[in-house]
């Protein structure tokens, strides 16, 4: 009941929109990185579970594969 009253206020709606934006940004970054590194299990988990950015941040900071360094072409 108290949550419904809070979300009915302007402040509640702003807080909800900020949380949704936060989740969308981090989820997008983590999904993109997991797809680029062919980590299907991480991609599916991040896509399914909504954790207010906790799972995507953990993936980006600790579990993603290190990027492949491109070798420079010999001249």
C-alpha atoms as a PDB file:
ATOM      1  CA  UNK A   1       0.000   0.000   0.000  1.00  0.00           C
ATOM      2  CA  UNK A   2       2.784   2.434   0.857  1.00  0.00           C
ATOM      3  CA  UNK A   3       4.598   1.600  -2.388  1.00  0.00           C
ATOM      4  CA  UNK A   4       1.494   2.379  -4.435  1.00  0.00           C
ATOM      5  CA  UNK A   5       1.144   5.723  -2.680  1.00  0.00           C
ATOM      6  CA  UNK A   6       4.811   6.536  -3.293  1.00  0.00           C
ATOM      7  CA  UNK A   7       4.620   5.661  -6.989  1.00  0.00           C
ATOM      8  CA  UNK A   8       1.508   7.801  -7.348  1.00  0.00           C
ATOM      9  CA  UNK A   9       3.552  10.891  -6.500  1.00  0.00           C
ATOM     10  CA  UNK A  10       5.724  12.808  -8.944  1.00  0.00           C
ATOM     11  CA  UNK A  11       8.841  11.975  -6.931  1.00  0.00           C
ATOM     12  CA  UNK A  12       7.973   8.287  -7.055  1.00  0.00           C
ATOM     13  CA  UNK A  13       7.586   8.357 -10.820  1.00  0.00           C
ATOM     14  CA  UNK A  14      10.915  10.166 -11.246  1.00  0.00           C
ATOM     15  CA  UNK A  15      12.674   7.615  -9.041  1.00  0.00           C
ATOM     16  CA  UNK A  16      11.103   4.767 -11.023  1.00  0.00           C
ATOM     17  CA  UNK A  17      12.180   6.311 -14.340  1.00  0.00           C
ATOM     18  CA  UNK A  18      15.738   6.809 -13.056  1.00  0.00           C
ATOM     19  CA  UNK A  19      15.922   3.165 -11.960  1.00  0.00           C
ATOM     20  CA  UNK A  20      14.617   2.030 -15.347  1.00  0.00           C
ATOM     21  CA  UNK A  21      17.154   4.196 -17.189  1.00  0.00           C
ATOM     22  CA  UNK A  22      19.983   2.894 -14.964  1.00  0.00           C
ATOM     23  CA  UNK A  23      18.971  -0.718 -15.676  1.00  0.00           C
ATOM     24  CA  UNK A  24      18.614  -0.097 -19.414  1.00  0.00           C
ATOM     25  CA  UNK A  25      22.063   1.483 -19.784  1.00  0.00           C
ATOM     26  CA  UNK A  26      23.939  -1.196 -17.848  1.00  0.00           C
ATOM     27  CA  UNK A  27      21.948  -4.035 -19.410  1.00  0.00           C
ATOM     28  CA  UNK A  28      22.666  -2.681 -22.894  1.00  0.00           C
ATOM     29  CA  UNK A  29      26.411  -2.426 -22.240  1.00  0.00           C
ATOM     30  CA  UNK A  30      26.612  -5.917 -20.720  1.00  0.00           C
ATOM     31  CA  UNK A  31      24.505  -7.509 -23.461  1.00  0.00           C
ATOM     32  CA  UNK A  32      26.640  -5.914 -26.147  1.00  0.00           C
ATOM     33  CA  UNK A  33      29.901  -7.032 -24.521  1.00  0.00           C
ATOM     34  CA  UNK A  34      28.697 -10.589 -23.852  1.00  0.00           C
ATOM     35  CA  UNK A  35      27.504 -10.914 -27.451  1.00  0.00           C
ATOM     36  CA  UNK A  36      30.826  -9.609 -28.795  1.00  0.00           C
ATOM     37  CA  UNK A  37      32.716 -12.177 -26.678  1.00  0.00           C
ATOM     38  CA  UNK A  38      30.318 -15.035 -27.625  1.00  0.00           C
ATOM     39  CA  UNK A  39      29.315 -15.668 -23.999  1.00  0.00           C
ATOM     40  CA  UNK A  40      25.812 -17.002 -24.577  1.00  0.00           C
ATOM     41  CA  UNK A  41      25.146 -18.024 -20.949  1.00  0.00           C
ATOM     42  CA  UNK A  42      25.915 -14.513 -19.683  1.00  0.00           C
ATOM     43  CA  UNK A  43      23.840 -12.991 -22.487  1.00  0.00           C
ATOM     44  CA  UNK A  44      20.772 -15.056 -21.567  1.00  0.00           C
ATOM     45  CA  UNK A  45      21.134 -14.448 -17.810  1.00  0.00           C
ATOM     46  CA  UNK A  46      21.518 -10.701 -18.244  1.00  0.00           C
ATOM     47  CA  UNK A  47      18.596 -10.616 -20.659  1.00  0.00           C
ATOM     48  CA  UNK A  48      16.220 -12.548 -18.380  1.00  0.00           C
ATOM     49  CA  UNK A  49      17.037 -11.293 -14.878  1.00  0.00           C
ATOM     50  CA  UNK A  50      16.237  -7.711 -13.835  1.00  0.00           C
ATOM     51  CA  UNK A  51      18.567  -6.875 -10.956  1.00  0.00           C
ATOM     52  CA  UNK A  52      18.603  -3.050 -11.123  1.00  0.00           C
ATOM     53  CA  UNK A  53      21.980  -3.178 -12.837  1.00  0.00           C
ATOM     54  CA  UNK A  54      23.783  -5.408 -10.324  1.00  0.00           C
ATOM     55  CA  UNK A  55      24.268  -8.429 -12.613  1.00  0.00           C
ATOM     56  CA  UNK A  56      25.302  -6.359 -15.672  1.00  0.00           C
ATOM     57  CA  UNK A  57      27.767  -4.300 -13.608  1.00  0.00           C
ATOM     58  CA  UNK A  58      29.263  -7.462 -12.103  1.00  0.00           C
ATOM     59  CA  UNK A  59      29.662  -8.931 -15.583  1.00  0.00           C
ATOM     60  CA  UNK A  60      31.284  -5.814 -17.032  1.00  0.00           C
ATOM     61  CA  UNK A  61      33.675  -5.348 -14.108  1.00  0.00           C
ATOM     62  CA  UNK A  62      34.624  -8.931 -13.252  1.00  0.00           C
ATOM     63  CA  UNK A  63      33.499 -11.642 -15.678  1.00  0.00           C
ATOM     64  CA  UNK A  64      33.886 -10.451 -19.247  1.00  0.00           C
ATOM     65  CA  UNK A  65      36.672 -11.870 -21.351  1.00  0.00           C
ATOM     66  CA  UNK A  66      39.585  -9.567 -21.900  1.00  0.00           C
ATOM     67  CA  UNK A  67      39.366  -7.883 -25.285  1.00  0.00           C
ATOM     68  CA  UNK A  68      41.466  -9.268 -28.095  1.00  0.00           C
ATOM     69  CA  UNK A  69      44.259  -6.858 -28.972  1.00  0.00           C
ATOM     70  CA  UNK A  70      44.539  -6.380 -32.707  1.00  0.00           C
ATOM     71  CA  UNK A  71      48.014  -6.810 -34.092  1.00  0.00           C
ATOM     72  CA  UNK A  72      49.382  -4.016 -36.196  1.00  0.00           C
ATOM     73  CA  UNK A  73      50.039  -4.839 -39.811  1.00  0.00           C
ATOM     74  CA  UNK A  74      53.651  -5.160 -40.863  1.00  0.00           C
ATOM     75  CA  UNK A  75      54.733  -2.781 -43.595  1.00  0.00           C
END
